[in-house]
mmCIF file of all heavy atoms, coordinates in Angstrom:
data_MODEL
# 
_entry.id   MODEL 
# 
loop_
_atom_site.group_PDB 
_atom_site.id 
_atom_site.type_symbol 
_atom_site.label_atom_id 
_atom_site.label_alt_id 
_atom_site.label_comp_id 
_atom_site.label_asym_id 
_atom_site.label_entity_id 
_atom_site.label_seq_id 
_atom_site.pdbx_PDB_ins_code 
_atom_site.Cartn_x 
_atom_site.Cartn_y 
_atom_site.Cartn_z 
_atom_site.occupancy 
_atom_site.B_iso_or_equiv 
_atom_site.pdbx_formal_charge 
_atom_site.auth_seq_id 
_atom_site.auth_comp_id 
_atom_site.auth_asym_id 
_atom_site.auth_atom_id 
_atom_site.pdbx_PDB_model_num 
ATOM 1   N N   . GLY A 1 1  ? -14.351 30.041 -67.046 1.00 0.00 ? 1  GLY A N   1 
ATOM 2   C CA  . GLY A 1 1  ? -14.504 30.290 -65.636 1.00 0.00 ? 1  GLY A CA  1 
ATOM 3   C C   . GLY A 1 1  ? -15.906 30.394 -65.313 1.00 0.00 ? 1  GLY A C   1 
ATOM 4   O O   . GLY A 1 1  ? -16.570 31.527 -65.287 1.00 0.00 ? 1  GLY A O   1 
ATOM 5   N N   . GLY A 1 2  ? -16.609 29.309 -65.073 1.00 0.00 ? 2  GLY A N   1 
ATOM 6   C CA  . GLY A 1 2  ? -18.022 29.326 -64.721 1.00 0.00 ? 2  GLY A CA  1 
ATOM 7   C C   . GLY A 1 2  ? -18.830 29.913 -65.781 1.00 0.00 ? 2  GLY A C   1 
ATOM 8   O O   . GLY A 1 2  ? -19.884 30.526 -65.618 1.00 0.00 ? 2  GLY A O   1 
ATOM 9   N N   . TYR A 1 3  ? -18.460 29.663 -67.043 1.00 0.00 ? 3  TYR A N   1 
ATOM 10  C CA  . TYR A 1 3  ? -19.200 30.033 -68.208 1.00 0.00 ? 3  TYR A CA  1 
ATOM 11  C C   . TYR A 1 3  ? -19.388 31.551 -68.360 1.00 0.00 ? 3  TYR A C   1 
ATOM 12  O O   . TYR A 1 3  ? -20.353 32.049 -68.824 1.00 0.00 ? 3  TYR A O   1 
ATOM 13  C CB  . TYR A 1 3  ? -20.552 29.297 -68.297 1.00 0.00 ? 3  TYR A CB  1 
ATOM 14  C CG  . TYR A 1 3  ? -20.396 27.872 -68.427 1.00 0.00 ? 3  TYR A CG  1 
ATOM 15  C CD1 . TYR A 1 3  ? -20.454 26.995 -67.325 1.00 0.00 ? 3  TYR A CD1 1 
ATOM 16  C CD2 . TYR A 1 3  ? -20.096 27.255 -69.680 1.00 0.00 ? 3  TYR A CD2 1 
ATOM 17  C CE1 . TYR A 1 3  ? -20.259 25.593 -67.366 1.00 0.00 ? 3  TYR A CE1 1 
ATOM 18  C CE2 . TYR A 1 3  ? -19.920 25.884 -69.747 1.00 0.00 ? 3  TYR A CE2 1 
ATOM 19  C CZ  . TYR A 1 3  ? -20.021 25.069 -68.624 1.00 0.00 ? 3  TYR A CZ  1 
ATOM 20  O OH  . TYR A 1 3  ? -19.781 23.684 -68.752 1.00 0.00 ? 3  TYR A OH  1 
ATOM 21  N N   . SER A 1 4  ? -18.350 32.217 -67.835 1.00 0.00 ? 4  SER A N   1 
ATOM 22  C CA  . SER A 1 4  ? -18.336 33.648 -67.921 1.00 0.00 ? 4  SER A CA  1 
ATOM 23  C C   . SER A 1 4  ? -17.750 34.175 -69.262 1.00 0.00 ? 4  SER A C   1 
ATOM 24  O O   . SER A 1 4  ? -17.819 35.355 -69.534 1.00 0.00 ? 4  SER A O   1 
ATOM 25  C CB  . SER A 1 4  ? -17.414 34.236 -66.719 1.00 0.00 ? 4  SER A CB  1 
ATOM 26  O OG  . SER A 1 4  ? -16.109 33.883 -66.931 1.00 0.00 ? 4  SER A OG  1 
ATOM 27  N N   . GLY A 1 5  ? -17.060 33.279 -69.974 1.00 0.00 ? 5  GLY A N   1 
ATOM 28  C CA  . GLY A 1 5  ? -16.526 33.661 -71.292 1.00 0.00 ? 5  GLY A CA  1 
ATOM 29  C C   . GLY A 1 5  ? -15.171 34.239 -71.116 1.00 0.00 ? 5  GLY A C   1 
ATOM 30  O O   . GLY A 1 5  ? -14.444 34.748 -72.186 1.00 0.00 ? 5  GLY A O   1 
ATOM 31  N N   . LYS A 1 6  ? -14.563 34.193 -69.891 1.00 0.00 ? 6  LYS A N   1 
ATOM 32  C CA  . LYS A 1 6  ? -13.248 34.815 -69.780 1.00 0.00 ? 6  LYS A CA  1 
ATOM 33  C C   . LYS A 1 6  ? -12.145 33.792 -70.035 1.00 0.00 ? 6  LYS A C   1 
ATOM 34  O O   . LYS A 1 6  ? -12.333 33.015 -70.979 1.00 0.00 ? 6  LYS A O   1 
ATOM 35  C CB  . LYS A 1 6  ? -13.173 35.309 -68.380 1.00 0.00 ? 6  LYS A CB  1 
ATOM 36  C CG  . LYS A 1 6  ? -14.177 36.488 -68.124 1.00 0.00 ? 6  LYS A CG  1 
ATOM 37  C CD  . LYS A 1 6  ? -14.034 37.236 -66.894 1.00 0.00 ? 6  LYS A CD  1 
ATOM 38  C CE  . LYS A 1 6  ? -15.090 38.348 -66.999 1.00 0.00 ? 6  LYS A CE  1 
ATOM 39  N NZ  . LYS A 1 6  ? -15.510 38.907 -65.914 1.00 0.00 ? 6  LYS A NZ  1 
ATOM 40  N N   . ASN A 1 7  ? -11.015 33.848 -69.315 1.00 0.00 ? 7  ASN A N   1 
ATOM 41  C CA  . ASN A 1 7  ? -9.858  32.988 -69.795 1.00 0.00 ? 7  ASN A CA  1 
ATOM 42  C C   . ASN A 1 7  ? -10.278 31.540 -70.020 1.00 0.00 ? 7  ASN A C   1 
ATOM 43  O O   . ASN A 1 7  ? -10.999 30.872 -69.263 1.00 0.00 ? 7  ASN A O   1 
ATOM 44  C CB  . ASN A 1 7  ? -8.827  32.925 -68.610 1.00 0.00 ? 7  ASN A CB  1 
ATOM 45  C CG  . ASN A 1 7  ? -7.983  34.237 -68.578 1.00 0.00 ? 7  ASN A CG  1 
ATOM 46  O OD1 . ASN A 1 7  ? -7.956  34.959 -69.500 1.00 0.00 ? 7  ASN A OD1 1 
ATOM 47  N ND2 . ASN A 1 7  ? -7.315  34.426 -67.449 1.00 0.00 ? 7  ASN A ND2 1 
ATOM 48  N N   . CYS A 1 8  ? -9.733  30.986 -71.148 1.00 0.00 ? 8  CYS A N   1 
ATOM 49  C CA  . CYS A 1 8  ? -10.014 29.671 -71.592 1.00 0.00 ? 8  CYS A CA  1 
ATOM 50  C C   . CYS A 1 8  ? -9.792  28.625 -70.465 1.00 0.00 ? 8  CYS A C   1 
ATOM 51  O O   . CYS A 1 8  ? -8.751  28.677 -69.837 1.00 0.00 ? 8  CYS A O   1 
ATOM 52  C CB  . CYS A 1 8  ? -9.173  29.397 -72.792 1.00 0.00 ? 8  CYS A CB  1 
ATOM 53  S SG  . CYS A 1 8  ? -9.211  27.748 -73.405 1.00 0.00 ? 8  CYS A SG  1 
ATOM 54  N N   . GLY A 1 9  ? -10.718 27.753 -70.283 1.00 0.00 ? 9  GLY A N   1 
ATOM 55  C CA  . GLY A 1 9  ? -10.562 26.731 -69.315 1.00 0.00 ? 9  GLY A CA  1 
ATOM 56  C C   . GLY A 1 9  ? -9.519  25.720 -69.580 1.00 0.00 ? 9  GLY A C   1 
ATOM 57  O O   . GLY A 1 9  ? -8.962  25.183 -68.670 1.00 0.00 ? 9  GLY A O   1 
ATOM 58  N N   . ALA A 1 10 ? -9.215  25.448 -70.895 1.00 0.00 ? 10 ALA A N   1 
ATOM 59  C CA  . ALA A 1 10 ? -8.105  24.587 -71.206 1.00 0.00 ? 10 ALA A CA  1 
ATOM 60  C C   . ALA A 1 10 ? -6.836  25.112 -70.784 1.00 0.00 ? 10 ALA A C   1 
ATOM 61  O O   . ALA A 1 10 ? -5.949  24.486 -70.211 1.00 0.00 ? 10 ALA A O   1 
ATOM 62  C CB  . ALA A 1 10 ? -8.137  24.269 -72.743 1.00 0.00 ? 10 ALA A CB  1 
ATOM 63  N N   . PHE A 1 11 ? -6.682  26.486 -70.972 1.00 0.00 ? 11 PHE A N   1 
ATOM 64  C CA  . PHE A 1 11 ? -5.484  27.188 -70.523 1.00 0.00 ? 11 PHE A CA  1 
ATOM 65  C C   . PHE A 1 11 ? -5.333  27.266 -69.047 1.00 0.00 ? 11 PHE A C   1 
ATOM 66  O O   . PHE A 1 11 ? -4.289  26.851 -68.533 1.00 0.00 ? 11 PHE A O   1 
ATOM 67  C CB  . PHE A 1 11 ? -5.549  28.614 -71.095 1.00 0.00 ? 11 PHE A CB  1 
ATOM 68  C CG  . PHE A 1 11 ? -4.527  29.520 -70.485 1.00 0.00 ? 11 PHE A CG  1 
ATOM 69  C CD1 . PHE A 1 11 ? -3.115  29.319 -70.751 1.00 0.00 ? 11 PHE A CD1 1 
ATOM 70  C CD2 . PHE A 1 11 ? -4.867  30.657 -69.844 1.00 0.00 ? 11 PHE A CD2 1 
ATOM 71  C CE1 . PHE A 1 11 ? -2.211  30.150 -70.195 1.00 0.00 ? 11 PHE A CE1 1 
ATOM 72  C CE2 . PHE A 1 11 ? -3.917  31.522 -69.255 1.00 0.00 ? 11 PHE A CE2 1 
ATOM 73  C CZ  . PHE A 1 11 ? -2.537  31.260 -69.523 1.00 0.00 ? 11 PHE A CZ  1 
ATOM 74  N N   . THR A 1 12 ? -6.402  27.620 -68.330 1.00 0.00 ? 12 THR A N   1 
ATOM 75  C CA  . THR A 1 12 ? -6.304  27.699 -66.846 1.00 0.00 ? 12 THR A CA  1 
ATOM 76  C C   . THR A 1 12 ? -6.104  26.242 -66.231 1.00 0.00 ? 12 THR A C   1 
ATOM 77  O O   . THR A 1 12 ? -5.451  26.028 -65.249 1.00 0.00 ? 12 THR A O   1 
ATOM 78  C CB  . THR A 1 12 ? -7.454  28.395 -66.220 1.00 0.00 ? 12 THR A CB  1 
ATOM 79  O OG1 . THR A 1 12 ? -8.725  27.893 -66.669 1.00 0.00 ? 12 THR A OG1 1 
ATOM 80  C CG2 . THR A 1 12 ? -7.502  29.836 -66.564 1.00 0.00 ? 12 THR A CG2 1 
ATOM 81  N N   . GLY A 1 13 ? -6.748  25.259 -66.838 1.00 0.00 ? 13 GLY A N   1 
ATOM 82  C CA  . GLY A 1 13 ? -6.549  23.897 -66.447 1.00 0.00 ? 13 GLY A CA  1 
ATOM 83  C C   . GLY A 1 13 ? -5.089  23.471 -66.682 1.00 0.00 ? 13 GLY A C   1 
ATOM 84  O O   . GLY A 1 13 ? -4.536  22.769 -65.786 1.00 0.00 ? 13 GLY A O   1 
ATOM 85  N N   . GLY A 1 14 ? -4.482  23.871 -67.740 1.00 0.00 ? 14 GLY A N   1 
ATOM 86  C CA  . GLY A 1 14 ? -3.102  23.637 -68.011 1.00 0.00 ? 14 GLY A CA  1 
ATOM 87  C C   . GLY A 1 14 ? -2.182  24.191 -66.972 1.00 0.00 ? 14 GLY A C   1 
ATOM 88  O O   . GLY A 1 14 ? -1.215  23.601 -66.483 1.00 0.00 ? 14 GLY A O   1 
ATOM 89  N N   . LEU A 1 15 ? -2.557  25.447 -66.530 1.00 0.00 ? 15 LEU A N   1 
ATOM 90  C CA  . LEU A 1 15 ? -1.764  26.148 -65.481 1.00 0.00 ? 15 LEU A CA  1 
ATOM 91  C C   . LEU A 1 15 ? -1.837  25.346 -64.225 1.00 0.00 ? 15 LEU A C   1 
ATOM 92  O O   . LEU A 1 15 ? -0.932  25.226 -63.413 1.00 0.00 ? 15 LEU A O   1 
ATOM 93  C CB  . LEU A 1 15 ? -2.261  27.566 -65.350 1.00 0.00 ? 15 LEU A CB  1 
ATOM 94  C CG  . LEU A 1 15 ? -1.910  28.612 -66.435 1.00 0.00 ? 15 LEU A CG  1 
ATOM 95  C CD1 . LEU A 1 15 ? -2.642  29.862 -66.168 1.00 0.00 ? 15 LEU A CD1 1 
ATOM 96  C CD2 . LEU A 1 15 ? -0.415  28.643 -66.586 1.00 0.00 ? 15 LEU A CD2 1 
ATOM 97  N N   . CYS A 1 16 ? -3.027  24.874 -63.872 1.00 0.00 ? 16 CYS A N   1 
ATOM 98  C CA  . CYS A 1 16 ? -3.322  24.091 -62.661 1.00 0.00 ? 16 CYS A CA  1 
ATOM 99  C C   . CYS A 1 16 ? -2.443  22.791 -62.652 1.00 0.00 ? 16 CYS A C   1 
ATOM 100 O O   . CYS A 1 16 ? -1.838  22.365 -61.754 1.00 0.00 ? 16 CYS A O   1 
ATOM 101 C CB  . CYS A 1 16 ? -4.765  23.749 -62.515 1.00 0.00 ? 16 CYS A CB  1 
ATOM 102 S SG  . CYS A 1 16 ? -5.774  25.188 -62.087 1.00 0.00 ? 16 CYS A SG  1 
ATOM 103 N N   . LEU A 1 17 ? -2.570  22.103 -63.861 1.00 0.00 ? 17 LEU A N   1 
ATOM 104 C CA  . LEU A 1 17 ? -1.728  20.834 -64.064 1.00 0.00 ? 17 LEU A CA  1 
ATOM 105 C C   . LEU A 1 17 ? -0.268  21.054 -63.798 1.00 0.00 ? 17 LEU A C   1 
ATOM 106 O O   . LEU A 1 17 ? 0.387   20.391 -63.064 1.00 0.00 ? 17 LEU A O   1 
ATOM 107 C CB  . LEU A 1 17 ? -2.120  20.262 -65.389 1.00 0.00 ? 17 LEU A CB  1 
ATOM 108 C CG  . LEU A 1 17 ? -1.313  18.966 -65.739 1.00 0.00 ? 17 LEU A CG  1 
ATOM 109 C CD1 . LEU A 1 17 ? -1.627  17.862 -64.683 1.00 0.00 ? 17 LEU A CD1 1 
ATOM 110 C CD2 . LEU A 1 17 ? -1.612  18.551 -67.147 1.00 0.00 ? 17 LEU A CD2 1 
ATOM 111 N N   . LEU A 1 18 ? 0.239   22.069 -64.535 1.00 0.00 ? 18 LEU A N   1 
ATOM 112 C CA  . LEU A 1 18 ? 1.586   22.383 -64.373 1.00 0.00 ? 18 LEU A CA  1 
ATOM 113 C C   . LEU A 1 18 ? 2.031   22.856 -62.941 1.00 0.00 ? 18 LEU A C   1 
ATOM 114 O O   . LEU A 1 18 ? 3.033   22.330 -62.415 1.00 0.00 ? 18 LEU A O   1 
ATOM 115 C CB  . LEU A 1 18 ? 1.964   23.585 -65.317 1.00 0.00 ? 18 LEU A CB  1 
ATOM 116 C CG  . LEU A 1 18 ? 3.488   23.839 -65.537 1.00 0.00 ? 18 LEU A CG  1 
ATOM 117 C CD1 . LEU A 1 18 ? 4.296   22.609 -65.876 1.00 0.00 ? 18 LEU A CD1 1 
ATOM 118 C CD2 . LEU A 1 18 ? 3.666   24.934 -66.557 1.00 0.00 ? 18 LEU A CD2 1 
ATOM 119 N N   . SER A 1 19 ? 1.155   23.552 -62.304 1.00 0.00 ? 19 SER A N   1 
ATOM 120 C CA  . SER A 1 19 ? 1.372   23.898 -60.914 1.00 0.00 ? 19 SER A CA  1 
ATOM 121 C C   . SER A 1 19 ? 1.437   22.786 -59.958 1.00 0.00 ? 19 SER A C   1 
ATOM 122 O O   . SER A 1 19 ? 2.092   22.835 -58.896 1.00 0.00 ? 19 SER A O   1 
ATOM 123 C CB  . SER A 1 19 ? 0.312   24.935 -60.407 1.00 0.00 ? 19 SER A CB  1 
ATOM 124 O OG  . SER A 1 19 ? 0.448   26.226 -61.180 1.00 0.00 ? 19 SER A OG  1 
ATOM 125 N N   . MET A 1 20 ? 0.671   21.714 -60.298 1.00 0.00 ? 20 MET A N   1 
ATOM 126 C CA  . MET A 1 20 ? 0.751   20.535 -59.430 1.00 0.00 ? 20 MET A CA  1 
ATOM 127 C C   . MET A 1 20 ? 2.166   19.912 -59.369 1.00 0.00 ? 20 MET A C   1 
ATOM 128 O O   . MET A 1 20 ? 2.576   19.352 -58.383 1.00 0.00 ? 20 MET A O   1 
ATOM 129 C CB  . MET A 1 20 ? -0.209  19.445 -59.938 1.00 0.00 ? 20 MET A CB  1 
ATOM 130 C CG  . MET A 1 20 ? -1.645  19.647 -59.651 1.00 0.00 ? 20 MET A CG  1 
ATOM 131 S SD  . MET A 1 20 ? -2.758  18.496 -60.305 1.00 0.00 ? 20 MET A SD  1 
ATOM 132 C CE  . MET A 1 20 ? -1.981  16.900 -59.903 1.00 0.00 ? 20 MET A CE  1 
ATOM 133 N N   . TYR A 1 21 ? 2.874   20.104 -60.461 1.00 0.00 ? 21 TYR A N   1 
ATOM 134 C CA  . TYR A 1 21 ? 4.247   19.572 -60.543 1.00 0.00 ? 21 TYR A CA  1 
ATOM 135 C C   . TYR A 1 21 ? 5.375   20.515 -60.112 1.00 0.00 ? 21 TYR A C   1 
ATOM 136 O O   . TYR A 1 21 ? 6.470   20.048 -59.734 1.00 0.00 ? 21 TYR A O   1 
ATOM 137 C CB  . TYR A 1 21 ? 4.481   19.012 -62.008 1.00 0.00 ? 21 TYR A CB  1 
ATOM 138 C CG  . TYR A 1 21 ? 3.641   17.723 -62.287 1.00 0.00 ? 21 TYR A CG  1 
ATOM 139 C CD1 . TYR A 1 21 ? 2.351   17.880 -62.651 1.00 0.00 ? 21 TYR A CD1 1 
ATOM 140 C CD2 . TYR A 1 21 ? 4.232   16.555 -61.976 1.00 0.00 ? 21 TYR A CD2 1 
ATOM 141 C CE1 . TYR A 1 21 ? 1.591   16.769 -62.929 1.00 0.00 ? 21 TYR A CE1 1 
ATOM 142 C CE2 . TYR A 1 21 ? 3.423   15.354 -62.204 1.00 0.00 ? 21 TYR A CE2 1 
ATOM 143 C CZ  . TYR A 1 21 ? 2.090   15.498 -62.661 1.00 0.00 ? 21 TYR A CZ  1 
ATOM 144 O OH  . TYR A 1 21 ? 1.364   14.423 -62.877 1.00 0.00 ? 21 TYR A OH  1 
ATOM 145 N N   . VAL A 1 22 ? 5.106   21.792 -60.260 1.00 0.00 ? 22 VAL A N   1 
ATOM 146 C CA  . VAL A 1 22 ? 6.197   22.757 -59.913 1.00 0.00 ? 22 VAL A CA  1 
ATOM 147 C C   . VAL A 1 22 ? 5.981   23.481 -58.617 1.00 0.00 ? 22 VAL A C   1 
ATOM 148 O O   . VAL A 1 22 ? 6.923   24.108 -58.112 1.00 0.00 ? 22 VAL A O   1 
ATOM 149 C CB  . VAL A 1 22 ? 6.421   23.686 -61.087 1.00 0.00 ? 22 VAL A CB  1 
ATOM 150 C CG1 . VAL A 1 22 ? 6.732   22.992 -62.289 1.00 0.00 ? 22 VAL A CG1 1 
ATOM 151 C CG2 . VAL A 1 22 ? 5.246   24.686 -61.242 1.00 0.00 ? 22 VAL A CG2 1 
ATOM 152 N N   . GLY A 1 23 ? 4.822   23.471 -57.959 1.00 0.00 ? 23 GLY A N   1 
ATOM 153 C CA  . GLY A 1 23 ? 4.524   24.181 -56.815 1.00 0.00 ? 23 GLY A CA  1 
ATOM 154 C C   . GLY A 1 23 ? 4.781   23.382 -55.648 1.00 0.00 ? 23 GLY A C   1 
ATOM 155 O O   . GLY A 1 23 ? 5.276   22.228 -55.671 1.00 0.00 ? 23 GLY A O   1 
ATOM 156 N N   . ARG A 1 24 ? 4.523   23.919 -54.493 1.00 0.00 ? 24 ARG A N   1 
ATOM 157 C CA  . ARG A 1 24 ? 4.683   23.218 -53.230 1.00 0.00 ? 24 ARG A CA  1 
ATOM 158 C C   . ARG A 1 24 ? 3.338   22.528 -52.731 1.00 0.00 ? 24 ARG A C   1 
ATOM 159 O O   . ARG A 1 24 ? 2.355   23.188 -52.831 1.00 0.00 ? 24 ARG A O   1 
ATOM 160 C CB  . ARG A 1 24 ? 5.149   24.102 -52.060 1.00 0.00 ? 24 ARG A CB  1 
ATOM 161 C CG  . ARG A 1 24 ? 6.460   24.781 -52.390 1.00 0.00 ? 24 ARG A CG  1 
ATOM 162 C CD  . ARG A 1 24 ? 6.954   25.723 -51.333 1.00 0.00 ? 24 ARG A CD  1 
ATOM 163 N NE  . ARG A 1 24 ? 5.991   26.227 -50.366 1.00 0.00 ? 24 ARG A NE  1 
ATOM 164 C CZ  . ARG A 1 24 ? 6.242   26.933 -49.349 1.00 0.00 ? 24 ARG A CZ  1 
ATOM 165 N NH1 . ARG A 1 24 ? 7.519   27.328 -49.166 1.00 0.00 ? 24 ARG A NH1 1 
ATOM 166 N NH2 . ARG A 1 24 ? 5.386   27.350 -48.616 1.00 0.00 ? 24 ARG A NH2 1 
# 
């Protein structure tokens, strides 16, 4: 997240990808 060292970007990106298919 903006090179803050927090939640892995691959993980949050995966959440975004999955949300594209399951969200509204």
